[in-house]
Amino acid sequence: MRYLLVYSGEKNVKAGLKHYLKYPNKDISVMSDLFINTYGVKDKTRLSDEVLDAILDIYWEKFKVFDKLK
């Protein structure tokens, strides 16, 4: 939900997530400082761009909130 608030659409959310997964950094994370301080920044992904795109498509379909907002 935080990514949607920051990036405001499917294309931008997917691009933001993909960039973060490839280049994780506390400064570009939308997670709270408490979460980052507790769990740290994730490791850089080793997935190919094709696999990452497919996974982000699945993620978007499973967790999209547009149909759930009222």
PDB file of N, CA and C in Angstrom:
ATOM      1  N   MET A   1       0.823  -1.191   0.000  1.00  0.00           N
ATOM      2  CA  MET A   1       0.000   0.000   0.000  1.00  0.00           C
ATOM      3  C   MET A   1       0.873   1.262   0.000  1.00  0.00           C
ATOM      4  N   ARG A   2       1.989   1.200   0.727  1.00  0.00           N
ATOM      5  CA  ARG A   2       2.876   2.366   0.764  1.00  0.00           C
ATOM      6  C   ARG A   2       3.425   2.684  -0.623  1.00  0.00           C
ATOM      7  N   TYR A   3       3.788   1.642  -1.382  1.00  0.00           N
ATOM      8  CA  TYR A   3       4.303   1.889  -2.726  1.00  0.00           C
ATOM      9  C   TYR A   3       3.247   2.564  -3.586  1.00  0.00           C
ATOM     10  N   LEU A   4       2.006   2.156  -3.429  1.00  0.00           N
ATOM     11  CA  LEU A   4       0.927   2.764  -4.210  1.00  0.00           C
ATOM     12  C   LEU A   4       0.753   4.238  -3.844  1.00  0.00           C
ATOM     13  N   LEU A   5       0.878   4.547  -2.567  1.00  0.00           N
ATOM     14  CA  LEU A   5       0.767   5.945  -2.142  1.00  0.00           C
ATOM     15  C   LEU A   5       1.915   6.785  -2.696  1.00  0.00           C
ATOM     16  N   VAL A   6       3.106   6.204  -2.768  1.00  0.00           N
ATOM     17  CA  VAL A   6       4.274   6.946  -3.244  1.00  0.00           C
ATOM     18  C   VAL A   6       4.319   7.000  -4.772  1.00  0.00           C
ATOM     19  N   TYR A   7       4.054   5.869  -5.423  1.00  0.00           N
ATOM     20  CA  TYR A   7       4.251   5.789  -6.871  1.00  0.00           C
ATOM     21  C   TYR A   7       2.962   5.920  -7.684  1.00  0.00           C
ATOM     22  N   SER A   8       1.803   5.766  -7.071  1.00  0.00           N
ATOM     23  CA  SER A   8       0.481   6.093  -7.588  1.00  0.00           C
ATOM     24  C   SER A   8      -0.020   5.401  -8.858  1.00  0.00           C
ATOM     25  N   GLY A   9       0.481   4.274  -9.202  1.00  0.00           N
ATOM     26  CA  GLY A   9      -0.064   3.553 -10.346  1.00  0.00           C
ATOM     27  C   GLY A   9       0.710   2.277 -10.616  1.00  0.00           C
ATOM     28  N   GLU A  10       0.097   1.377 -11.360  1.00  0.00           N
ATOM     29  CA  GLU A  10       0.696   0.065 -11.614  1.00  0.00           C
ATOM     30  C   GLU A  10       2.096   0.171 -12.210  1.00  0.00           C
ATOM     31  N   LYS A  11       2.236   0.938 -13.262  1.00  0.00           N
ATOM     32  CA  LYS A  11       3.525   1.036 -13.947  1.00  0.00           C
ATOM     33  C   LYS A  11       4.610   1.586 -13.014  1.00  0.00           C
ATOM     34  N   ASN A  12       4.278   2.637 -12.291  1.00  0.00           N
ATOM     35  CA  ASN A  12       5.248   3.250 -11.388  1.00  0.00           C
ATOM     36  C   ASN A  12       5.554   2.373 -10.178  1.00  0.00           C
ATOM     37  N   VAL A  13       4.546   1.685  -9.654  1.00  0.00           N
ATOM     38  CA  VAL A  13       4.766   0.778  -8.522  1.00  0.00           C
ATOM     39  C   VAL A  13       5.715  -0.339  -8.934  1.00  0.00           C
ATOM     40  N   LYS A  14       5.454  -0.955 -10.078  1.00  0.00           N
ATOM     41  CA  LYS A  14       6.309  -2.042 -10.548  1.00  0.00           C
ATOM     42  C   LYS A  14       7.731  -1.549 -10.802  1.00  0.00           C
ATOM     43  N   ALA A  15       7.866  -0.375 -11.401  1.00  0.00           N
ATOM     44  CA  ALA A  15       9.201   0.176 -11.667  1.00  0.00           C
ATOM     45  C   ALA A  15       9.927   0.467 -10.354  1.00  0.00           C
ATOM     46  N   GLY A  16       9.215   1.032  -9.378  1.00  0.00           N
ATOM     47  CA  GLY A  16       9.818   1.327  -8.086  1.00  0.00           C
ATOM     48  C   GLY A  16      10.248   0.078  -7.351  1.00  0.00           C
ATOM     49  N   LEU A  17       9.393  -0.933  -7.337  1.00  0.00           N
ATOM     50  CA  LEU A  17       9.742  -2.200  -6.692  1.00  0.00           C
ATOM     51  C   LEU A  17      10.927  -2.867  -7.381  1.00  0.00           C
ATOM     52  N   LYS A  18      10.908  -2.865  -8.703  1.00  0.00           N
ATOM     53  CA  LYS A  18      12.002  -3.489  -9.461  1.00  0.00           C
ATOM     54  C   LYS A  18      13.329  -2.787  -9.163  1.00  0.00           C
ATOM     55  N   HIS A  19      13.303  -1.471  -9.161  1.00  0.00           N
ATOM     56  CA  HIS A  19      14.524  -0.716  -8.871  1.00  0.00           C
ATOM     57  C   HIS A  19      15.022  -1.018  -7.466  1.00  0.00           C
ATOM     58  N   TYR A  20      14.110  -1.041  -6.496  1.00  0.00           N
ATOM     59  CA  TYR A  20      14.512  -1.328  -5.119  1.00  0.00           C
ATOM     60  C   TYR A  20      15.078  -2.738  -4.981  1.00  0.00           C
ATOM     61  N   LEU A  21      14.449  -3.705  -5.633  1.00  0.00           N
ATOM     62  CA  LEU A  21      14.931  -5.085  -5.538  1.00  0.00           C
ATOM     63  C   LEU A  21      16.305  -5.250  -6.168  1.00  0.00           C
ATOM     64  N   LYS A  22      16.571  -4.495  -7.220  1.00  0.00           N
ATOM     65  CA  LYS A  22      17.878  -4.577  -7.885  1.00  0.00           C
ATOM     66  C   LYS A  22      18.944  -3.756  -7.160  1.00  0.00           C
ATOM     67  N   TYR A  23      18.526  -2.639  -6.557  1.00  0.00           N
ATOM     68  CA  TYR A  23      19.463  -1.723  -5.893  1.00  0.00           C
ATOM     69  C   TYR A  23      18.924  -1.305  -4.524  1.00  0.00           C
ATOM     70  N   PRO A  24      18.802  -2.255  -3.590  1.00  0.00           N
ATOM     71  CA  PRO A  24      18.212  -1.923  -2.287  1.00  0.00           C
ATOM     72  C   PRO A  24      19.050  -0.878  -1.539  1.00  0.00           C
ATOM     73  N   ASN A  25      18.355   0.110  -1.000  1.00  0.00           N
ATOM     74  CA  ASN A  25      19.027   1.188  -0.299  1.00  0.00           C
ATOM     75  C   ASN A  25      18.035   1.807   0.674  1.00  0.00           C
ATOM     76  N   LYS A  26      18.479   2.093   1.870  1.00  0.00           N
ATOM     77  CA  LYS A  26      17.602   2.681   2.882  1.00  0.00           C
ATOM     78  C   LYS A  26      17.009   4.012   2.408  1.00  0.00           C
ATOM     79  N   ASP A  27      17.776   4.773   1.649  1.00  0.00           N
ATOM     80  CA  ASP A  27      17.329   6.093   1.219  1.00  0.00           C
ATOM     81  C   ASP A  27      16.176   6.053   0.221  1.00  0.00           C
ATOM     82  N   ILE A  28      16.034   4.961  -0.523  1.00  0.00           N
ATOM     83  CA  ILE A  28      14.939   4.880  -1.500  1.00  0.00           C
ATOM     84  C   ILE A  28      13.803   3.972  -1.047  1.00  0.00           C
ATOM     85  N   SER A  29      13.944   3.380   0.118  1.00  0.00           N
ATOM     86  CA  SER A  29      12.900   2.502   0.642  1.00  0.00           C
ATOM     87  C   SER A  29      11.716   3.328   1.127  1.00  0.00           C
ATOM     88  N   VAL A  30      10.516   2.808   0.931  1.00  0.00           N
ATOM     89  CA  VAL A  30       9.322   3.470   1.458  1.00  0.00           C
ATOM     90  C   VAL A  30       8.924   2.890   2.808  1.00  0.00           C
ATOM     91  N   MET A  31       9.676   1.933   3.282  1.00  0.00           N
ATOM     92  CA  MET A  31       9.396   1.339   4.584  1.00  0.00           C
ATOM     93  C   MET A  31       9.791   2.306   5.689  1.00  0.00           C
ATOM     94  N   SER A  32       9.159   2.169   6.838  1.00  0.00           N
ATOM     95  CA  SER A  32       9.448   3.056   7.966  1.00  0.00           C
ATOM     96  C   SER A  32      10.857   2.805   8.491  1.00  0.00           C
ATOM     97  N   ASP A  33      11.410   3.810   9.146  1.00  0.00           N
ATOM     98  CA  ASP A  33      12.733   3.665   9.746  1.00  0.00           C
ATOM     99  C   ASP A  33      12.738   2.557  10.785  1.00  0.00           C
ATOM    100  N   LEU A  34      11.644   2.414  11.530  1.00  0.00           N
ATOM    101  CA  LEU A  34      11.551   1.351  12.532  1.00  0.00           C
ATOM    102  C   LEU A  34      11.698  -0.014  11.871  1.00  0.00           C
ATOM    103  N   PHE A  35      11.009  -0.230  10.744  1.00  0.00           N
ATOM    104  CA  PHE A  35      11.106  -1.502  10.034  1.00  0.00           C
ATOM    105  C   PHE A  35      12.538  -1.729   9.534  1.00  0.00           C
ATOM    106  N   ILE A  36      13.124  -0.721   8.920  1.00  0.00           N
ATOM    107  CA  ILE A  36      14.487  -0.839   8.391  1.00  0.00           C
ATOM    108  C   ILE A  36      15.476  -1.093   9.522  1.00  0.00           C
ATOM    109  N   ASN A  37      15.326  -0.376  10.640  1.00  0.00           N
ATOM    110  CA  ASN A  37      16.238  -0.564  11.762  1.00  0.00           C
ATOM    111  C   ASN A  37      16.088  -1.947  12.395  1.00  0.00           C
ATOM    112  N   THR A  38      14.882  -2.487  12.373  1.00  0.00           N
ATOM    113  CA  THR A  38      14.631  -3.805  12.954  1.00  0.00           C
ATOM    114  C   THR A  38      15.104  -4.927  12.037  1.00  0.00           C
ATOM    115  N   TYR A  39      14.780  -4.838  10.752  1.00  0.00           N
ATOM    116  CA  TYR A  39      15.049  -5.938   9.832  1.00  0.00           C
ATOM    117  C   TYR A  39      16.183  -5.665   8.843  1.00  0.00           C
ATOM    118  N   GLY A  40      16.569  -4.418   8.689  1.00  0.00           N
ATOM    119  CA  GLY A  40      17.625  -4.071   7.752  1.00  0.00           C
ATOM    120  C   GLY A  40      17.112  -3.985   6.326  1.00  0.00           C
ATOM    121  N   VAL A  41      18.018  -3.651   5.437  1.00  0.00           N
ATOM    122  CA  VAL A  41      17.703  -3.544   4.014  1.00  0.00           C
ATOM    123  C   VAL A  41      17.938  -4.917   3.392  1.00  0.00           C
ATOM    124  N   LYS A  42      17.044  -5.335   2.531  1.00  0.00           N
ATOM    125  CA  LYS A  42      17.169  -6.661   1.925  1.00  0.00           C
ATOM    126  C   LYS A  42      18.399  -6.747   1.029  1.00  0.00           C
ATOM    127  N   ASP A  43      18.815  -7.959   0.752  1.00  0.00           N
ATOM    128  CA  ASP A  43      19.930  -8.186  -0.153  1.00  0.00           C
ATOM    129  C   ASP A  43      19.501  -7.932  -1.594  1.00  0.00           C
ATOM    130  N   LYS A  44      20.448  -7.551  -2.418  1.00  0.00           N
ATOM    131  CA  LYS A  44      20.192  -7.325  -3.844  1.00  0.00           C
ATOM    132  C   LYS A  44      19.698  -8.623  -4.487  1.00  0.00           C
ATOM    133  N   THR A  45      18.683  -8.525  -5.333  1.00  0.00           N
ATOM    134  CA  THR A  45      18.158  -9.710  -6.002  1.00  0.00           C
ATOM    135  C   THR A  45      19.136 -10.235  -7.048  1.00  0.00           C
ATOM    136  N   ARG A  46      19.085 -11.531  -7.257  1.00  0.00           N
ATOM    137  CA  ARG A  46      19.894 -12.152  -8.310  1.00  0.00           C
ATOM    138  C   ARG A  46      19.018 -12.657  -9.448  1.00  0.00           C
ATOM    139  N   LEU A  47      17.745 -12.289  -9.422  1.00  0.00           N
ATOM    140  CA  LEU A  47      16.817 -12.707 -10.466  1.00  0.00           C
ATOM    141  C   LEU A  47      17.049 -11.905 -11.740  1.00  0.00           C
ATOM    142  N   SER A  48      16.786 -12.533 -12.869  1.00  0.00           N
ATOM    143  CA  SER A  48      16.906 -11.822 -14.152  1.00  0.00           C
ATOM    144  C   SER A  48      15.753 -10.829 -14.295  1.00  0.00           C
ATOM    145  N   ASP A  49      15.900  -9.873 -15.190  1.00  0.00           N
ATOM    146  CA  ASP A  49      14.840  -8.890 -15.423  1.00  0.00           C
ATOM    147  C   ASP A  49      13.545  -9.559 -15.858  1.00  0.00           C
ATOM    148  N   GLU A  50      13.634 -10.593 -16.678  1.00  0.00           N
ATOM    149  CA  GLU A  50      12.433 -11.290 -17.158  1.00  0.00           C
ATOM    150  C   GLU A  50      11.690 -11.950 -16.006  1.00  0.00           C
ATOM    151  N   VAL A  51      12.417 -12.641 -15.140  1.00  0.00           N
ATOM    152  CA  VAL A  51      11.797 -13.315 -13.998  1.00  0.00           C
ATOM    153  C   VAL A  51      11.235 -12.275 -13.030  1.00  0.00           C
ATOM    154  N   LEU A  52      11.987 -11.226 -12.799  1.00  0.00           N
ATOM    155  CA  LEU A  52      11.542 -10.166 -11.903  1.00  0.00           C
ATOM    156  C   LEU A  52      10.257  -9.518 -12.423  1.00  0.00           C
ATOM    157  N   ASP A  53      10.171  -9.251 -13.724  1.00  0.00           N
ATOM    158  CA  ASP A  53       8.956  -8.689 -14.312  1.00  0.00           C
ATOM    159  C   ASP A  53       7.767  -9.628 -14.132  1.00  0.00           C
ATOM    160  N   ALA A  54       7.987 -10.921 -14.341  1.00  0.00           N
ATOM    161  CA  ALA A  54       6.908 -11.900 -14.189  1.00  0.00           C
ATOM    162  C   ALA A  54       6.439 -11.968 -12.737  1.00  0.00           C
ATOM    163  N   ILE A  55       7.371 -11.927 -11.815  1.00  0.00           N
ATOM    164  CA  ILE A  55       7.014 -11.970 -10.394  1.00  0.00           C
ATOM    165  C   ILE A  55       6.261 -10.708  -9.983  1.00  0.00           C
ATOM    166  N   LEU A  56       6.687  -9.566 -10.483  1.00  0.00           N
ATOM    167  CA  LEU A  56       5.989  -8.316 -10.161  1.00  0.00           C
ATOM    168  C   LEU A  56       4.574  -8.304 -10.743  1.00  0.00           C
ATOM    169  N   ASP A  57       4.377  -8.918 -11.908  1.00  0.00           N
ATOM    170  CA  ASP A  57       3.026  -9.042 -12.473  1.00  0.00           C
ATOM    171  C   ASP A  57       2.144  -9.891 -11.560  1.00  0.00           C
ATOM    172  N   ILE A  58       2.674 -11.002 -11.089  1.00  0.00           N
ATOM    173  CA  ILE A  58       1.926 -11.879 -10.166  1.00  0.00           C
ATOM    174  C   ILE A  58       1.619 -11.126  -8.877  1.00  0.00           C
ATOM    175  N   TYR A  59       2.621 -10.443  -8.332  1.00  0.00           N
ATOM    176  CA  TYR A  59       2.444  -9.670  -7.103  1.00  0.00           C
ATOM    177  C   TYR A  59       1.337  -8.632  -7.289  1.00  0.00           C
ATOM    178  N   TRP A  60       1.374  -7.912  -8.403  1.00  0.00           N
ATOM    179  CA  TRP A  60       0.380  -6.864  -8.654  1.00  0.00           C
ATOM    180  C   TRP A  60      -1.027  -7.453  -8.701  1.00  0.00           C
ATOM    181  N   GLU A  61      -1.191  -8.563  -9.413  1.00  0.00           N
ATOM    182  CA  GLU A  61      -2.515  -9.175  -9.529  1.00  0.00           C
ATOM    183  C   GLU A  61      -3.022  -9.684  -8.180  1.00  0.00           C
ATOM    184  N   LYS A  62      -2.134 -10.208  -7.384  1.00  0.00           N
ATOM    185  CA  LYS A  62      -2.540 -10.779  -6.093  1.00  0.00           C
ATOM    186  C   LYS A  62      -2.859  -9.706  -5.055  1.00  0.00           C
ATOM    187  N   PHE A  63      -2.097  -8.629  -5.042  1.00  0.00           N
ATOM    188  CA  PHE A  63      -2.229  -7.657  -3.970  1.00  0.00           C
ATOM    189  C   PHE A  63      -2.746  -6.280  -4.399  1.00  0.00           C
ATOM    190  N   LYS A  64      -3.212  -6.147  -5.628  1.00  0.00           N
ATOM    191  CA  LYS A  64      -3.713  -4.819  -6.045  1.00  0.00           C
ATOM    192  C   LYS A  64      -4.903  -4.431  -5.188  1.00  0.00           C
ATOM    193  N   VAL A  65      -4.945  -3.176  -4.865  1.00  0.00           N
ATOM    194  CA  VAL A  65      -5.976  -2.702  -3.932  1.00  0.00           C
ATOM    195  C   VAL A  65      -7.054  -1.888  -4.621  1.00  0.00           C
ATOM    196  N   PHE A  66      -6.925  -1.586  -5.882  1.00  0.00           N
ATOM    197  CA  PHE A  66      -7.906  -0.740  -6.560  1.00  0.00           C
ATOM    198  C   PHE A  66      -9.318  -1.314  -6.454  1.00  0.00           C
ATOM    199  N   ASP A  67      -9.459  -2.613  -6.617  1.00  0.00           N
ATOM    200  CA  ASP A  67     -10.788  -3.234  -6.537  1.00  0.00           C
ATOM    201  C   ASP A  67     -11.318  -3.294  -5.109  1.00  0.00           C
ATOM    202  N   LYS A  68     -10.438  -3.114  -4.134  1.00  0.00           N
ATOM    203  CA  LYS A  68     -10.822  -3.232  -2.727  1.00  0.00           C
ATOM    204  C   LYS A  68     -11.083  -1.875  -2.092  1.00  0.00           C
ATOM    205  N   LEU A  69     -10.707  -0.799  -2.756  1.00  0.00           N
ATOM    206  CA  LEU A  69     -10.931   0.545  -2.206  1.00  0.00           C
ATOM    207  C   LEU A  69     -12.371   0.981  -2.433  1.00  0.00           C
ATOM    208  N   LYS A  70     -12.937   1.629  -1.458  1.00  0.00           N
ATOM    209  CA  LYS A  70     -14.317   2.111  -1.589  1.00  0.00           C
ATOM    210  C   LYS A  70     -14.419   3.510  -1.061  1.00  0.00           C
TER     211      LYS A  70
END
